[in-house]
Protein backbone atom coordinates (compact mmCIF):
# COMPACT_ATOMS: atom_id res chain seq x y z
CA MET A 1 0.00 0.00 0.00
CA HIS A 2 2.85 2.37 0.74
CA VAL A 3 3.92 2.10 -2.94
CA CYS A 4 0.52 3.48 -4.00
CA LEU A 5 0.79 6.36 -1.55
CA ILE A 6 4.35 7.23 -2.57
CA TYR A 7 3.60 7.35 -6.31
CA SER A 8 0.26 9.09 -5.79
CA LEU A 9 1.84 11.84 -3.68
CA LEU A 10 4.82 12.19 -6.04
CA PHE A 11 2.58 12.56 -9.12
CA LEU A 12 0.35 15.03 -7.29
CA ILE A 13 3.29 17.28 -6.34
CA LEU A 14 4.71 17.10 -9.89
CA SER A 15 1.27 17.89 -11.34
CA VAL A 16 0.85 21.04 -9.26
CA GLY A 17 4.41 22.14 -10.11
CA PHE A 18 3.90 21.58 -13.85
CA PHE A 19 0.58 23.43 -13.77
CA PHE A 20 2.04 26.62 -12.32
CA LEU A 21 5.08 26.28 -14.59
CA SER A 22 2.77 26.05 -17.62
CA LEU A 23 0.98 29.23 -16.49
CA SER A 24 4.28 31.10 -16.33
CA PHE A 25 5.23 29.75 -19.79
CA MET A 26 1.88 31.05 -21.12
CA ILE A 27 2.34 34.49 -19.53
CA TYR A 28 5.91 34.97 -20.81
CA ASP A 29 5.35 33.03 -24.07
CA LEU A 30 8.33 30.71 -23.51
CA VAL A 31 9.45 27.63 -25.43
CA TYR A 32 12.49 25.65 -24.28
CA PHE A 33 14.42 23.02 -26.21
CA VAL A 34 16.48 20.85 -23.89
CA GLU A 35 19.22 18.87 -25.63
CA TYR A 36 21.25 16.13 -24.01
CA SER A 37 24.20 14.69 -25.93
CA LEU A 38 24.02 10.89 -25.97
CA LEU A 39 26.86 10.08 -28.37
CA ASN A 40 29.53 12.05 -30.21
CA ILE A 41 31.52 10.24 -32.92
CA ASN A 42 33.81 12.53 -34.92
CA SER A 43 31.44 15.12 -36.40
CA THR A 44 28.26 13.09 -35.76
CA LEU A 45 26.30 14.23 -32.72
CA ILE A 46 23.37 12.17 -31.43
CA VAL A 47 21.27 14.22 -29.03
CA MET A 48 18.09 13.62 -27.04
CA THR A 49 15.82 16.64 -27.55
CA LEU A 50 12.92 17.61 -25.29
CA LEU A 51 10.33 20.26 -26.10
CA ILE A 52 9.06 22.13 -23.06
CA ASP A 53 6.33 24.66 -23.73
CA ALA A 54 2.99 25.67 -22.19
CA MET A 55 1.06 22.98 -24.12
CA SER A 56 3.26 20.05 -23.09
CA LEU A 57 3.54 21.22 -19.47
CA LEU A 58 -0.21 21.69 -19.06
CA PHE A 59 -1.00 18.30 -20.60
CA MET A 60 1.63 16.62 -18.41
CA SER A 61 0.08 18.31 -15.38
CA PHE A 62 -3.34 16.84 -16.24
CA VAL A 63 -1.92 13.37 -16.94
CA LEU A 64 -0.04 13.36 -13.63
CA PHE A 65 -3.00 14.61 -11.61
CA ILE A 66 -5.37 11.99 -13.05
CA SER A 67 -2.69 9.30 -12.57
CA SER A 68 -2.24 10.38 -8.95
CA MET A 69 -5.98 10.03 -8.23
CA VAL A 70 -6.20 6.72 -10.12
CA ILE A 71 -3.25 5.20 -8.20
CA TYR A 72 -4.76 6.33 -4.90
CA TYR A 73 -8.11 4.87 -5.98
CA SER A 74 -6.38 1.60 -6.98
CA MET A 75 -5.05 1.17 -3.46
CA GLU A 76 -8.49 -0.07 -2.39
CA TYR A 77 -9.92 -1.23 -5.72
CA MET A 78 -6.99 -3.62 -6.31
CA GLY A 79 -6.50 -4.23 -2.57
CA GLY A 80 -7.27 -7.96 -2.85
CA ASP A 81 -4.67 -8.48 -5.58
CA LYS A 82 -1.50 -10.29 -4.53
CA PHE A 83 0.54 -8.49 -7.16
CA ILE A 84 -0.64 -4.92 -6.55
CA VAL A 85 2.96 -3.62 -6.59
CA ARG A 86 3.44 -5.03 -10.09
CA PHE A 87 0.15 -3.42 -11.15
CA ILE A 88 1.16 -0.01 -9.79
CA LEU A 89 4.59 -0.22 -11.46
CA LEU A 90 2.93 -1.04 -14.79
CA VAL A 91 0.69 2.02 -14.38
CA VAL A 92 3.75 4.16 -13.56
CA MET A 93 5.54 2.86 -16.70
CA PHE A 94 2.42 3.69 -18.68
CA VAL A 95 2.40 7.27 -17.40
CA LEU A 96 6.14 7.71 -18.03
CA SER A 97 5.72 6.50 -21.64
CA MET A 98 2.99 9.09 -22.15
CA MET A 99 5.19 11.81 -20.63
CA LEU A 100 8.01 10.93 -23.03
CA LEU A 101 5.60 11.18 -25.95
CA ILE A 102 4.27 14.56 -24.78
CA ILE A 103 7.66 16.29 -24.52
CA SER A 104 9.20 14.82 -27.70
CA PRO A 105 9.81 17.04 -30.72
CA ASN A 106 11.65 14.11 -32.28
CA LEU A 107 10.10 11.16 -34.13
CA ILE A 108 12.56 8.67 -32.61
CA SER A 109 11.72 9.58 -29.01
CA ILE A 110 8.02 9.74 -29.96
CA LEU A 111 8.34 6.14 -31.17
CA LEU A 112 9.86 5.15 -27.81
CA GLY A 113 6.92 6.64 -25.93
CA TRP A 114 4.44 5.36 -28.52
CA ASP A 115 5.72 1.77 -28.34
CA GLY A 116 6.02 2.03 -24.56
CA LEU A 117 2.29 2.84 -24.44
CA GLY A 118 1.52 -0.06 -26.77
CA LEU A 119 3.57 -2.61 -24.83
CA VAL A 120 2.43 -1.62 -21.34
CA SER A 121 -1.20 -1.34 -22.49
CA TYR A 122 -0.97 -4.96 -23.70
CA CYS A 123 0.37 -6.04 -20.30
CA LEU A 124 -2.46 -4.18 -18.55
CA VAL A 125 -5.25 -5.43 -20.85
CA VAL A 126 -4.21 -9.08 -20.29
CA TYR A 127 -3.75 -8.45 -16.55
CA TYR A 128 -6.60 -10.76 -15.47
CA GLN A 129 -5.25 -13.59 -17.66
CA ASN A 130 -8.36 -15.18 -19.14
CA VAL A 131 -9.37 -15.98 -22.71
CA LYS A 132 -11.36 -12.77 -23.14
CA SER A 133 -8.52 -10.53 -21.97
CA TYR A 134 -5.95 -12.41 -24.11
CA ASN A 135 -8.09 -11.89 -27.23
CA ALA A 136 -8.68 -8.24 -26.35
CA GLY A 137 -4.96 -7.68 -25.69
CA MET A 138 -3.98 -9.28 -28.98
CA LEU A 139 -6.53 -7.20 -30.92
CA THR A 140 -5.28 -4.04 -29.18
CA ALA A 141 -1.61 -4.82 -29.81
CA LEU A 142 -1.98 -5.85 -33.47
CA THR A 143 -4.22 -2.89 -34.38
CA ASN A 144 -1.77 -0.49 -32.80
CA ARG A 145 1.13 -2.17 -34.63
CA LEU A 146 -0.28 -0.76 -37.87
CA GLY A 147 0.19 2.73 -36.47
CA ASP A 148 3.65 1.85 -35.23
CA VAL A 149 4.63 0.71 -38.74
CA ALA A 150 3.34 4.01 -40.17
CA LEU A 151 5.44 5.87 -37.62
CA LEU A 152 8.52 3.81 -38.54
CA MET A 153 7.97 4.59 -42.23
CA SER A 154 7.67 8.31 -41.46
CA ILE A 155 10.96 8.09 -39.52
CA ALA A 156 12.59 6.55 -42.61
CA TRP A 157 11.13 9.27 -44.84
CA MET A 158 12.35 12.01 -42.50
CA LEU A 159 15.88 11.13 -43.63
CA ASN A 160 15.11 13.42 -46.59
CA PHE A 161 15.26 16.37 -44.21
CA GLY A 162 18.53 15.58 -42.46
CA SER A 163 17.02 15.45 -38.97
CA TRP A 164 14.21 13.69 -37.11
CA ASN A 165 13.22 16.84 -35.23
CA TYR A 166 9.96 17.26 -37.13
CA ILE A 167 9.04 20.43 -35.23
CA PHE A 168 11.49 22.51 -37.33
CA TYR A 169 10.11 21.40 -40.72
CA LEU A 170 6.34 21.57 -40.36
CA GLU A 171 5.56 24.94 -41.93
CA GLU A 172 8.68 25.29 -44.13
CA MET A 173 8.14 22.03 -45.99
CA LYS A 174 4.34 22.20 -46.23
CA GLY A 175 3.16 21.41 -49.75
CA SER A 176 6.20 19.31 -50.65
CA LEU A 177 5.79 15.67 -51.62
CA SER A 178 7.87 14.48 -48.66
CA MET A 179 5.79 16.34 -46.10
CA ASN A 180 2.59 15.09 -47.78
CA ILE A 181 3.74 11.50 -47.38
CA ILE A 182 4.84 12.06 -43.77
CA SER A 183 1.51 13.75 -42.94
CA CYS A 184 -0.44 10.80 -44.37
CA LEU A 185 1.64 8.33 -42.36
CA ILE A 186 1.21 10.36 -39.17
CA ILE A 187 -2.57 10.51 -39.75
CA LEU A 188 -2.61 6.72 -40.18
CA ALA A 189 -0.64 6.28 -36.94
CA ALA A 190 -2.95 8.67 -35.09
CA ILE A 191 -6.23 7.10 -36.21
CA THR A 192 -5.07 3.63 -35.16
CA LYS A 193 -4.07 4.89 -31.70
CA SER A 194 -7.22 6.99 -31.32
CA ALA A 195 -9.42 4.18 -32.71
CA GLN A 196 -11.12 5.99 -35.59
CA ILE A 197 -12.94 4.06 -38.33
CA PRO A 198 -11.88 1.42 -39.49
CA PHE A 199 -9.70 0.71 -36.42
CA SER A 200 -12.40 1.24 -33.77
CA SER A 201 -12.96 -2.33 -32.65
CA TRP A 202 -10.05 -2.53 -30.19
CA LEU A 203 -11.31 0.30 -27.96
CA PRO A 204 -14.33 -1.48 -26.38
CA ALA A 205 -12.33 -4.74 -26.33
CA ALA A 206 -9.66 -3.06 -24.18
CA MET A 207 -12.28 -2.86 -21.40
CA ALA A 208 -10.97 -6.26 -20.30
CA ALA A 209 -8.33 -4.30 -18.32
CA PRO A 210 -8.94 -3.42 -14.64
CA THR A 211 -11.18 -0.36 -14.21
CA PRO A 212 -8.43 1.98 -12.87
CA VAL A 213 -6.49 1.25 -16.07
CA SER A 214 -9.59 2.00 -18.16
CA SER A 215 -9.92 5.28 -16.29
CA LEU A 216 -6.34 6.22 -17.17
CA VAL A 217 -6.36 4.90 -20.75
CA HIS A 218 -9.62 6.56 -21.78
CA SER A 219 -9.00 9.92 -20.20
CA SER A 220 -5.48 11.14 -20.80
CA THR A 221 -3.01 8.52 -22.02
CA LEU A 222 -3.32 5.85 -24.71
CA VAL A 223 -6.26 6.98 -26.87
CA THR A 224 -5.40 10.67 -26.60
CA ALA A 225 -1.84 10.06 -27.88
CA GLY A 226 -3.04 10.10 -31.50
CA VAL A 227 -4.96 13.36 -31.01
CA TYR A 228 -1.96 14.97 -29.30
CA LEU A 229 0.38 13.88 -32.12
CA LEU A 230 -1.95 15.42 -34.70
CA ILE A 231 -2.18 18.63 -32.65
CA ARG A 232 1.61 18.87 -32.88
CA PHE A 233 1.57 18.07 -36.63
CA ASN A 234 -1.42 20.30 -37.46
CA PHE A 235 0.65 22.88 -39.39
CA SER A 236 1.71 20.32 -41.99
CA LEU A 237 -1.74 18.90 -42.77
CA GLU A 238 -2.94 19.40 -46.34
CA SER A 239 -6.51 20.47 -47.16
CA TRP A 240 -7.37 17.34 -49.20
CA SER A 241 -6.39 15.00 -46.36
CA MET A 242 -8.31 17.16 -43.88
CA TYR A 243 -11.52 16.93 -45.95
CA ILE A 244 -11.28 13.14 -46.06
CA MET A 245 -10.51 12.85 -42.35
CA VAL A 246 -13.39 15.15 -41.31
CA PHE A 247 -15.72 12.64 -42.97
CA VAL A 248 -14.04 9.63 -41.30
CA THR A 249 -13.92 11.16 -37.81
CA SER A 250 -17.51 12.45 -37.97
CA MET A 251 -18.67 8.95 -38.96
CA THR A 252 -16.75 7.56 -35.97
CA MET A 253 -18.47 10.07 -33.68
CA PHE A 254 -21.90 9.13 -35.04
CA MET A 255 -21.26 5.37 -34.99
CA ALA A 256 -20.01 5.37 -31.38
CA GLY A 257 -22.94 7.48 -30.16
CA LEU A 258 -25.43 5.19 -31.88
CA GLY A 259 -23.72 2.03 -30.60
CA ALA A 260 -23.71 3.23 -26.98
CA ASN A 261 -27.51 3.53 -27.06
CA PHE A 262 -27.82 -0.21 -27.72
CA GLU A 263 -25.07 -1.48 -25.42
CA PHE A 264 -25.72 -3.01 -21.98
CA ASP A 265 -22.17 -3.34 -20.64
CA LEU A 266 -21.47 -0.38 -18.34
CA LYS A 267 -17.76 -0.06 -19.19
CA LYS A 268 -18.36 -0.50 -22.92
CA ILE A 269 -20.94 2.30 -22.93
CA ILE A 270 -18.38 4.65 -21.38
CA ALA A 271 -15.72 3.37 -23.82
CA LEU A 272 -18.01 4.15 -26.76
CA SER A 273 -18.61 7.62 -25.32
CA THR A 274 -14.82 8.09 -25.31
CA LEU A 275 -14.75 7.07 -28.96
CA SER A 276 -17.47 9.60 -29.71
CA GLN A 277 -15.53 12.39 -27.97
CA LEU A 278 -12.33 11.42 -29.79
CA GLY A 279 -14.25 11.75 -33.05
CA LEU A 280 -15.37 15.22 -31.94
CA MET A 281 -11.80 16.29 -31.08
CA MET A 282 -10.40 15.02 -34.36
CA SER A 283 -13.24 16.54 -36.37
CA ILE A 284 -12.55 20.05 -35.08
CA LEU A 285 -8.81 19.42 -35.47
CA PHE A 286 -9.26 18.57 -39.16
CA LEU A 287 -11.58 21.53 -39.54
CA GLY A 288 -8.53 23.64 -38.75
CA ASP A 289 -8.75 24.61 -35.06
CA TYR A 290 -6.16 22.57 -33.18
CA LEU A 291 -6.40 24.73 -30.03
CA LEU A 292 -10.07 23.85 -29.55
CA ALA A 293 -9.23 20.16 -29.96
CA TYR A 294 -6.56 20.56 -27.26
CA TYR A 295 -9.03 22.39 -25.00
CA HIS A 296 -11.62 19.60 -25.29
CA LEU A 297 -8.87 17.02 -24.79
CA LEU A 298 -8.10 18.51 -21.36
CA THR A 299 -11.69 18.97 -20.17
CA HIS A 300 -12.71 15.53 -21.44
CA ALA A 301 -9.82 13.90 -19.58
CA LEU A 302 -11.18 15.09 -16.23
CA PHE A 303 -14.79 13.98 -16.44
CA LYS A 304 -14.02 10.75 -18.28
CA ALA A 305 -11.50 9.67 -15.62
CA LEU A 306 -14.06 10.31 -12.86
CA LEU A 307 -16.83 8.60 -14.87
CA PHE A 308 -14.78 5.39 -15.03
CA MET A 309 -13.92 5.63 -11.34
CA CYS A 310 -17.62 5.90 -10.44
CA ALA A 311 -18.40 2.96 -12.74
CA GLY A 312 -15.59 0.99 -11.07
CA ASN A 313 -17.08 1.69 -7.63
CA VAL A 314 -20.49 0.42 -8.79
CA ILE A 315 -18.98 -2.71 -10.38
CA HIS A 316 -16.89 -3.32 -7.24
CA ASN A 317 -20.00 -3.24 -5.06
CA LEU A 318 -22.07 -5.40 -7.41
CA PHE A 319 -19.56 -8.29 -7.24
CA ASN A 320 -18.03 -7.44 -10.64
CA CYS A 321 -21.36 -7.32 -12.50
CA GLN A 322 -21.19 -4.91 -15.46
CA ASP A 323 -24.63 -5.39 -17.04
CA ILE A 324 -26.71 -2.24 -16.48
CA ARG A 325 -29.95 -4.28 -16.63
CA TYR A 326 -29.08 -5.74 -13.20
CA MET A 327 -28.51 -2.31 -11.69
CA GLY A 328 -31.01 0.27 -10.52
CA SER A 329 -31.99 2.34 -7.51
CA LEU A 330 -28.32 2.94 -6.68
CA ILE A 331 -29.09 6.51 -5.65
CA SER A 332 -30.44 5.25 -2.31
CA SER A 333 -27.51 3.00 -1.44
CA MET A 334 -24.58 4.82 -3.11
CA PRO A 335 -25.56 8.51 -3.09
CA ILE A 336 -22.09 10.12 -3.38
CA THR A 337 -21.03 7.85 -6.25
CA CYS A 338 -24.29 8.55 -8.07
CA LEU A 339 -23.86 12.29 -7.47
CA TYR A 340 -20.38 12.26 -9.01
CA PHE A 341 -21.59 9.96 -11.79
CA ASN A 342 -24.44 12.31 -12.72
CA ILE A 343 -22.24 15.42 -12.64
CA CYS A 344 -19.77 13.71 -15.01
CA ASN A 345 -22.59 12.59 -17.29
CA LEU A 346 -24.04 16.08 -17.43
CA SER A 347 -20.58 17.51 -18.13
CA LEU A 348 -20.18 14.95 -20.94
CA CYS A 349 -23.56 15.99 -22.37
CA GLY A 350 -22.51 19.65 -22.42
CA LEU A 351 -24.92 20.96 -19.81
CA PRO A 352 -24.31 24.71 -19.40
CA PHE A 353 -21.60 25.85 -17.01
CA LEU A 354 -20.01 22.45 -16.35
CA SER A 355 -16.54 21.91 -17.79
CA GLY A 356 -17.66 19.90 -20.84
CA PHE A 357 -20.06 22.66 -21.90
CA TYR A 358 -17.35 25.26 -22.48
CA SER A 359 -15.37 23.14 -24.94
CA LYS A 360 -18.23 21.29 -26.68
CA ASP A 361 -20.39 24.35 -27.16
CA LEU A 362 -17.46 26.34 -28.53
CA ILE A 363 -16.54 23.52 -30.93
CA VAL A 364 -20.10 23.28 -32.28
CA GLU A 365 -20.45 27.06 -32.64
CA VAL A 366 -17.11 27.38 -34.46
CA MET A 367 -18.26 24.55 -36.73
CA SER A 368 -21.56 26.41 -37.33
CA MET A 369 -19.62 29.51 -38.44
CA SER A 370 -17.50 27.57 -40.94
CA TYR A 371 -18.23 27.03 -44.62
CA LEU A 372 -19.29 23.38 -44.49
CA ASN A 373 -21.80 21.11 -46.16
CA ILE A 374 -25.08 20.07 -44.56
CA TYR A 375 -23.80 16.55 -43.76
CA ILE A 376 -21.14 17.79 -41.31
CA TYR A 377 -23.57 20.25 -39.77
CA ILE A 378 -26.28 17.62 -39.17
CA ILE A 379 -23.95 14.88 -37.95
CA PHE A 380 -22.36 17.18 -35.35
CA TYR A 381 -25.73 18.05 -33.83
CA VAL A 382 -27.10 14.49 -34.08
CA SER A 383 -23.98 13.19 -32.33
CA ILE A 384 -24.51 15.70 -29.50
CA GLY A 385 -28.11 14.47 -29.18
CA LEU A 386 -26.96 10.83 -29.11
CA THR A 387 -24.45 11.65 -26.35
CA VAL A 388 -27.25 12.98 -24.14
CA SER A 389 -29.42 10.03 -25.14
CA TYR A 390 -27.06 7.29 -23.94
CA SER A 391 -26.12 9.31 -20.85
CA MET A 392 -29.78 9.63 -19.87
CA ARG A 393 -30.33 5.92 -20.58
CA LEU A 394 -27.33 5.08 -18.40
CA VAL A 395 -28.61 7.23 -15.52
CA TYR A 396 -32.08 5.68 -15.84
CA TYR A 397 -30.76 2.12 -15.68
CA THR A 398 -28.24 2.66 -12.87
CA CYS A 399 -29.48 5.36 -10.52
CA VAL A 400 -33.27 5.18 -10.73
CA GLY A 401 -35.69 2.38 -11.60
CA HIS A 402 -35.82 -0.99 -9.88
CA MET A 403 -32.88 -2.85 -8.38
CA ASN A 404 -32.63 -6.06 -10.46
CA PHE A 405 -29.55 -7.59 -8.87
CA THR A 406 -30.23 -9.51 -5.63
CA SER A 407 -32.27 -8.81 -2.54
CA LEU A 408 -29.30 -9.71 -0.34
CA SER A 409 -26.87 -7.17 -1.74
CA SER A 410 -24.43 -5.33 0.50
CA LEU A 411 -24.19 -2.04 -1.36
CA SER A 412 -22.33 0.62 0.59
CA GLU A 413 -19.82 3.42 0.26
CA GLU A 414 -17.50 2.32 3.03
CA GLY A 415 -14.53 2.52 0.66
CA TYR A 416 -13.31 5.93 1.81
CA THR A 417 -10.06 5.58 -0.14
CA MET A 418 -11.94 5.20 -3.42
CA LEU A 419 -14.23 8.12 -2.56
CA LYS A 420 -11.23 10.32 -1.73
CA GLY A 421 -9.66 9.48 -5.09
CA MET A 422 -12.92 10.40 -6.81
CA SER A 423 -13.43 13.56 -4.73
CA GLY A 424 -10.04 14.87 -5.88
CA LEU A 425 -11.42 15.16 -9.42
CA ILE A 426 -14.97 16.42 -8.88
CA PHE A 427 -14.06 20.08 -8.32
CA LEU A 428 -12.00 20.15 -11.50
CA VAL A 429 -14.88 18.56 -13.43
CA VAL A 430 -17.11 21.44 -12.35
CA PHE A 431 -14.75 24.43 -12.53
CA MET A 432 -11.84 23.59 -14.84
CA GLY A 433 -13.69 24.27 -18.11
CA SER A 434 -14.20 27.95 -17.34
CA SER A 435 -10.71 28.28 -15.79
CA LEU A 436 -9.06 26.84 -18.90
CA SER A 437 -11.12 29.06 -21.19
CA TRP A 438 -9.67 32.10 -19.37
CA THR A 439 -6.06 30.88 -19.43
CA LEU A 440 -5.72 28.89 -22.66
CA PHE A 441 -6.88 31.40 -25.27
CA SER A 442 -4.88 34.59 -25.79
CA SER A 443 -7.77 36.23 -27.65
CA LEU A 444 -11.54 35.79 -27.47
CA TYR A 445 -13.53 33.72 -29.93
CA ILE A 446 -16.07 36.08 -31.47
CA ILE A 447 -19.11 33.94 -32.26
CA ILE A 448 -21.85 35.66 -34.29
CA LEU A 449 -24.81 33.38 -34.93
CA PRO A 450 -28.60 33.81 -35.25
CA PHE A 451 -30.62 33.04 -32.12
CA TYR A 452 -31.96 29.69 -33.36
CA LEU A 453 -28.42 28.47 -34.22
CA LYS A 454 -27.14 29.70 -30.87
CA MET A 455 -29.86 27.71 -29.09
CA MET A 456 -29.42 24.65 -31.33
CA THR A 457 -27.02 22.95 -28.89
CA LEU A 458 -29.47 23.26 -25.99
CA ILE A 459 -32.36 22.06 -28.19
CA MET A 460 -30.36 18.95 -29.19
CA ILE A 461 -29.45 18.31 -25.53
CA MET A 462 -33.16 18.37 -24.58
CA LEU A 463 -34.18 16.20 -27.55
CA GLY A 464 -31.40 13.73 -26.77
CA GLY A 465 -32.45 13.52 -23.13
CA TRP A 466 -36.05 12.79 -24.15
CA LEU A 467 -34.89 10.15 -26.65
CA GLY A 468 -32.68 8.50 -24.01
CA TYR A 469 -35.64 8.30 -21.63
CA GLU A 470 -37.73 6.65 -24.33
CA PHE A 471 -34.92 4.18 -25.10
CA SER A 472 -34.77 3.27 -21.41
CA ARG A 473 -38.42 2.25 -21.34
CA PHE A 474 -37.87 -0.58 -23.83
CA SER A 475 -38.43 -4.07 -22.49
CA LEU A 476 -35.51 -5.53 -20.56
CA SER A 477 -36.25 -9.01 -21.96
CA TYR A 478 -34.22 -9.70 -25.09
CA ASN A 479 -36.56 -12.57 -26.08
CA SER A 480 -39.61 -10.30 -26.22
CA LEU A 481 -38.12 -8.31 -29.11
CA SER A 482 -38.87 -9.13 -32.72
CA LEU A 483 -36.15 -10.78 -34.83
CA LYS A 484 -35.87 -7.70 -37.05
CA TYR A 485 -35.27 -5.41 -34.06
CA LYS A 486 -32.76 -7.90 -32.60
CA ASN A 487 -30.75 -7.80 -35.83
CA VAL A 488 -30.79 -3.99 -35.98
CA SER A 489 -29.92 -3.75 -32.27
CA PHE A 490 -27.02 -6.20 -32.67
CA PHE A 491 -25.75 -4.40 -35.78
CA LEU A 492 -25.69 -1.02 -34.00
CA ALA A 493 -24.36 -2.33 -30.66
CA SER A 494 -21.52 -4.15 -32.42
CA MET A 495 -20.30 -0.93 -34.08
CA TRP A 496 -21.61 -1.88 -37.53
CA TYR A 497 -20.01 -5.38 -37.28
CA MET A 498 -16.55 -3.83 -37.05
CA PRO A 499 -15.15 -6.25 -34.40
CA PHE A 500 -16.16 -9.18 -36.63
CA LEU A 501 -14.61 -7.60 -39.71
CA SER A 502 -11.34 -6.88 -37.89
CA THR A 503 -11.11 -10.37 -36.30
CA PHE A 504 -13.05 -12.99 -38.28
CA GLY A 505 -12.78 -10.98 -41.49
CA VAL A 506 -9.00 -10.85 -41.21
CA ASN A 507 -8.50 -14.38 -39.86
CA TYR A 508 -11.14 -16.54 -41.53
CA TYR A 509 -10.14 -16.41 -45.20
CA PRO A 510 -6.35 -16.73 -44.74
CA LEU A 511 -6.94 -19.67 -42.36
CA MET A 512 -9.35 -21.28 -44.85
CA VAL A 513 -6.81 -20.89 -47.70
CA GLY A 514 -4.12 -22.36 -45.44
CA SER A 515 -6.34 -25.32 -44.54
CA ASN A 516 -7.09 -26.05 -48.22
CA TYR A 517 -3.39 -25.76 -49.06
CA ILE A 518 -2.43 -28.27 -46.36
CA LYS A 519 -5.15 -30.73 -47.35
CA GLY A 520 -4.82 -30.37 -51.13
CA LEU A 521 -1.12 -29.79 -51.63
CA ASP A 522 1.06 -30.19 -48.57
CA GLN A 523 -0.66 -33.40 -47.42
CA GLY A 524 -2.26 -34.21 -50.78
CA TRP A 525 -1.12 -34.80 -54.35
CA SER A 526 2.15 -32.88 -54.11
CA GLU A 527 3.13 -35.02 -51.16
CA TYR A 528 2.05 -38.23 -52.94
CA TYR A 529 3.99 -37.43 -56.10
CA GLY A 530 6.85 -35.73 -54.30
CA ALA A 531 8.94 -36.80 -51.35
CA GLN A 532 6.50 -39.43 -50.08
CA LYS A 533 6.45 -41.26 -53.48
CA ILE A 534 10.26 -41.32 -53.67
CA TYR A 535 10.40 -42.53 -50.10
CA SER A 536 7.89 -45.35 -50.72
CA LEU A 537 9.69 -46.49 -53.90
CA LEU A 538 13.08 -46.54 -52.22
CA SER A 539 11.76 -48.28 -49.13
CA SER A 540 9.94 -50.97 -51.16
CA SER A 541 13.02 -51.67 -53.31
CA SER A 542 15.23 -51.80 -50.24
CA GLN A 543 12.80 -54.24 -48.60
CA PHE A 544 13.00 -56.50 -51.72
CA LEU A 545 16.79 -56.49 -51.63
CA GLN A 546 16.78 -57.15 -47.92
CA PHE A 547 14.48 -60.11 -48.51
CA LEU A 548 16.84 -61.58 -51.12
CA PHE A 549 19.96 -61.21 -49.01
CA SER A 550 18.40 -62.31 -45.76
CA ASN A 551 17.15 -65.65 -47.20
CA ASN A 552 20.59 -66.86 -48.42
CA LEU A 553 19.66 -66.24 -52.01
CA LYS A 554 22.88 -64.36 -52.68
CA VAL A 555 24.27 -67.17 -54.93
CA TYR A 556 21.07 -67.39 -57.01
CA PHE A 557 20.97 -63.63 -57.31
CA ILE A 558 24.59 -63.43 -58.54
CA MET A 559 23.98 -66.28 -61.01
CA LEU A 560 20.89 -64.49 -62.30
CA ILE A 561 22.87 -61.30 -62.90
CA LEU A 562 25.66 -63.24 -64.68
CA TRP A 563 23.10 -65.07 -66.82
CA VAL A 564 21.45 -61.77 -67.84
CA PHE A 565 24.88 -60.30 -68.62
CA PHE A 566 25.79 -63.41 -70.71
CA VAL A 567 22.50 -63.22 -72.66
CA VAL A 568 23.05 -59.55 -73.41
CA LEU A 569 26.61 -60.22 -74.69
CA ILE A 570 25.46 -63.05 -77.00
């Protein structure tokens, strides 16, 4: 337990220090490059470069603060685990990998942090060591390997520039073929890490990890790495790639919001909400406003971390049950957890004056002022409505309604350690959105919209809440639904069959071809007419010779050969 306290306190102190340091960097407009010489051979100098500016310091501060609360929360949540020290050290390695990625202006050191995240995330996803977690870990690792390969290829292509410090070349080389190729590779790497279509299936699968890990992964570390990388590379993005990616990311946002309305696993619903918010961040990033994407990245990290911690507390008390159909009436037995849970949900929905409202509302209004087609406009607002819909459905199933678990349940909030970890985040969830809006932007956003467009966000929030309430009143019995509705429900809940396409679709046909090859060729005709035929001929002839020599027929055999030779000569 002392390991948890030590790391929690250390991260908390570092977080506060980095926060005030980032404020001073903002005020004085400072950017530091720290170079450490690793190797010097003749005229070749290999240096480790770190980029320290207001953006990296502020993001590190948030990552460290959330990690501090999560580690403190884990002290009780993972209290029954024999190997809790190993778990905490894995989490610490995870955080350090993310820190390395944040302060790297160099593609090589980014790859170290990037692969560190991938490796440690695999170890954490398979932590419970069962078939489900092994499959989820493998899907996570292999999907992310695609992004790693793209990053390796961009490192190779950066040799054209004479240095891997990409930060120096972004604006100067924009428009060149080399920078176009590097930008495309970086986008590919980012959408695999941030689980955009068609690489979305690993994100809900990664819920096999312990809940504190989910809280860390989905708020500020693994899935946000791709968004952060694109924020750093935003100056080099070309307009044609941005148009394509706005379509892809908006479809991801819509798909995740729709899927969450048909899902019954508590952690998967929150995972799909993360996917929806990632789509929102990337959409506004590709629409050209990287600072707004960064702003939403920070506010989202706070309420999503607390949302997972509340979900973990509920799951912990319900003997590891994650199906929301078994929950209900938790407001009477777990009031503080439900209070925090509802505040986070409302912040996620964009309810006015909570932290999520400031970033989401600004993103939607900036989008409304842009020159865009009707598809983007509609899908943004529909996605906001779907967010409120699944949040309302989640609140209905968990906090109100009937308790469907067991009459002999021992629900309580005696876990003061977990509540303290959660309480550390609640004030930031409420107040940090407005605080960041005052500190992050050097100039005001002037939004000029008609009244009905200005009120559109609130209208969609109300419509989404009503829709979520109606969704909640559907029958709990799966068997009472018609076959047609079951198929539609399964299609939407399974993210448009994406997990099947990325697992069975990738595995089935190559395995089938391999099976036919083995049966038809390797163990079939090629074997019969190849090595096996030669072997059988040689073995049969050797058996015949052995028979002749073993039965004292050597004399007759020699005479037969001489007779044949004599006949041939005559």
